[in-house]
Amino acid sequence: MEKRGRDKWVASFDGFYLTRRHYSNNSSATIHDYYGGDVACFTHQTKTGPGHNWEGTSGGTEGDMLEEVLSTVSAANFVVKELIADKDSTTNAIFCKHFPEESPTAPTIAPVQACK
């Protein structure tokens, strides 16, 4: 992760799956520098094989992966000013847990609730 913009970083996050629907055995997620496009952090989870680290539906793991990447960037002293991600209450709650003074955003027209 670069030091540029560390104190008020704008990031984008999304999880993705290697098969369609909510029954994928593999799931990954990335958090990017919104303006530069650089991948700052990524994670991968799998339900099968050696080192499996996830159970449940693929829809349920996206919040776990967001938790993991936000923990990583927070530990590296990044402050995420804005997070552009899917608009759902899980994403909002996880973001606000790590950065309560900041504001999540969503790529939709509907407003996202502020952390405070």
Protein backbone atom coordinates (compact mmCIF):
# COMPACT_ATOMS: atom_id res chain seq x y z
CA MET A 1 0.00 0.00 0.00
CA GLU A 2 1.30 3.41 -0.88
CA LYS A 3 1.65 6.26 1.59
CA ARG A 4 -0.03 8.75 -0.79
CA GLY A 5 -3.36 9.96 0.61
CA ARG A 6 -3.09 7.80 3.71
CA ASP A 7 -4.87 10.24 6.02
CA LYS A 8 -8.06 10.72 3.95
CA TRP A 9 -8.18 7.89 1.45
CA VAL A 10 -11.04 7.28 -1.03
CA ALA A 11 -11.40 3.55 -1.67
CA SER A 12 -13.62 1.18 -3.59
CA PHE A 13 -14.45 -2.35 -2.46
CA ASP A 14 -16.18 -5.34 -3.97
CA GLY A 15 -16.35 -9.07 -3.46
CA PHE A 16 -16.63 -11.55 -6.29
CA TYR A 17 -17.20 -15.26 -6.68
CA LEU A 18 -15.89 -17.91 -9.03
CA THR A 19 -19.34 -19.35 -9.78
CA ARG A 20 -22.77 -17.76 -10.02
CA ARG A 21 -25.41 -17.67 -7.32
CA HIS A 22 -24.91 -18.02 -3.57
CA TYR A 23 -23.24 -21.43 -3.64
CA SER A 24 -19.71 -20.63 -4.75
CA ASN A 25 -16.89 -22.45 -2.99
CA ASN A 26 -14.41 -19.62 -3.67
CA SER A 27 -14.76 -15.95 -2.95
CA SER A 28 -12.36 -13.01 -3.25
CA ALA A 29 -12.47 -9.30 -2.53
CA THR A 30 -10.31 -6.27 -3.22
CA ILE A 31 -10.07 -2.75 -1.93
CA HIS A 32 -8.69 -0.22 -4.42
CA ASP A 33 -7.47 3.34 -4.46
CA TYR A 34 -10.51 4.91 -6.13
CA TYR A 35 -8.54 7.56 -8.01
CA GLY A 36 -5.39 5.64 -8.90
CA GLY A 37 -6.89 2.18 -9.33
CA ASP A 38 -4.12 0.44 -7.40
CA VAL A 39 -5.14 -2.64 -5.41
CA ALA A 40 -4.31 -1.84 -1.80
CA CYS A 41 -5.40 -5.14 -0.27
CA PHE A 42 -7.13 -8.37 -1.26
CA THR A 43 -8.41 -11.50 0.40
CA HIS A 44 -9.58 -14.93 -0.71
CA GLN A 45 -11.82 -17.40 1.08
CA THR A 46 -12.59 -20.99 0.22
CA LYS A 47 -15.04 -23.56 1.61
CA THR A 48 -13.16 -26.64 0.46
CA GLY A 49 -9.66 -28.08 0.42
CA PRO A 50 -6.66 -27.53 2.65
CA GLY A 51 -6.82 -24.29 4.59
CA HIS A 52 -10.54 -23.74 4.06
CA ASN A 53 -11.55 -20.62 5.97
CA TRP A 54 -15.24 -20.07 5.38
CA GLU A 55 -18.65 -21.73 5.80
CA GLY A 56 -22.09 -20.58 4.71
CA THR A 57 -23.31 -18.86 1.56
CA SER A 58 -21.20 -16.72 -0.73
CA GLY A 59 -23.53 -13.80 -0.01
CA GLY A 60 -22.56 -13.99 3.66
CA THR A 61 -18.83 -13.92 3.14
CA GLU A 62 -18.62 -10.48 1.52
CA GLY A 63 -19.05 -8.78 4.90
CA ASP A 64 -16.34 -10.99 6.40
CA MET A 65 -13.97 -10.05 3.61
CA LEU A 66 -14.76 -6.34 3.99
CA GLU A 67 -14.00 -6.68 7.70
CA GLU A 68 -10.65 -8.29 6.85
CA VAL A 69 -9.50 -5.70 4.29
CA LEU A 70 -10.64 -2.73 6.40
CA SER A 71 -8.76 -4.18 9.38
CA THR A 72 -5.66 -4.47 7.21
CA VAL A 73 -5.78 -0.91 5.84
CA SER A 74 -6.65 0.48 9.27
CA ALA A 75 -3.66 -1.33 10.82
CA ALA A 76 -1.50 0.30 8.12
CA ASN A 77 -2.72 3.70 9.40
CA PHE A 78 -4.94 4.47 6.43
CA VAL A 79 -8.06 6.52 7.14
CA VAL A 80 -10.74 5.73 4.60
CA LYS A 81 -12.58 9.00 4.05
CA GLU A 82 -15.07 7.43 1.63
CA LEU A 83 -15.78 3.83 0.69
CA ILE A 84 -17.50 3.19 -2.60
CA ALA A 85 -19.14 -0.21 -2.29
CA ASP A 86 -22.38 -2.11 -2.53
CA LYS A 87 -25.18 -0.34 -0.71
CA ASP A 88 -26.30 -2.58 2.10
CA SER A 89 -26.55 -2.36 5.85
CA THR A 90 -23.74 -4.86 6.45
CA THR A 91 -21.25 -2.82 4.43
CA ASN A 92 -22.37 0.35 6.18
CA ALA A 93 -22.07 -1.15 9.67
CA ILE A 94 -18.62 -2.64 9.04
CA PHE A 95 -17.29 0.59 7.55
CA CYS A 96 -18.64 2.67 10.45
CA LYS A 97 -17.09 0.28 12.98
CA HIS A 98 -13.62 0.97 11.54
CA PHE A 99 -14.03 4.63 10.54
CA PRO A 100 -16.88 6.18 12.59
CA GLU A 101 -15.91 9.76 11.70
CA GLU A 102 -16.08 9.19 7.95
CA SER A 103 -18.81 8.47 5.39
CA PRO A 104 -19.54 5.42 3.25
CA THR A 105 -20.93 5.99 -0.21
CA ALA A 106 -22.57 3.71 -2.73
CA PRO A 107 -22.62 3.58 -6.53
CA THR A 108 -26.39 4.03 -6.49
CA ILE A 109 -28.64 7.07 -6.41
CA ALA A 110 -30.14 6.14 -3.05
CA PRO A 111 -28.45 7.85 -0.08
CA VAL A 112 -26.26 5.88 2.30
CA GLN A 113 -26.66 6.43 6.01
CA ALA A 114 -23.87 8.38 7.63
CA CYS A 115 -21.93 6.72 10.45
CA LYS A 116 -23.06 9.23 13.07
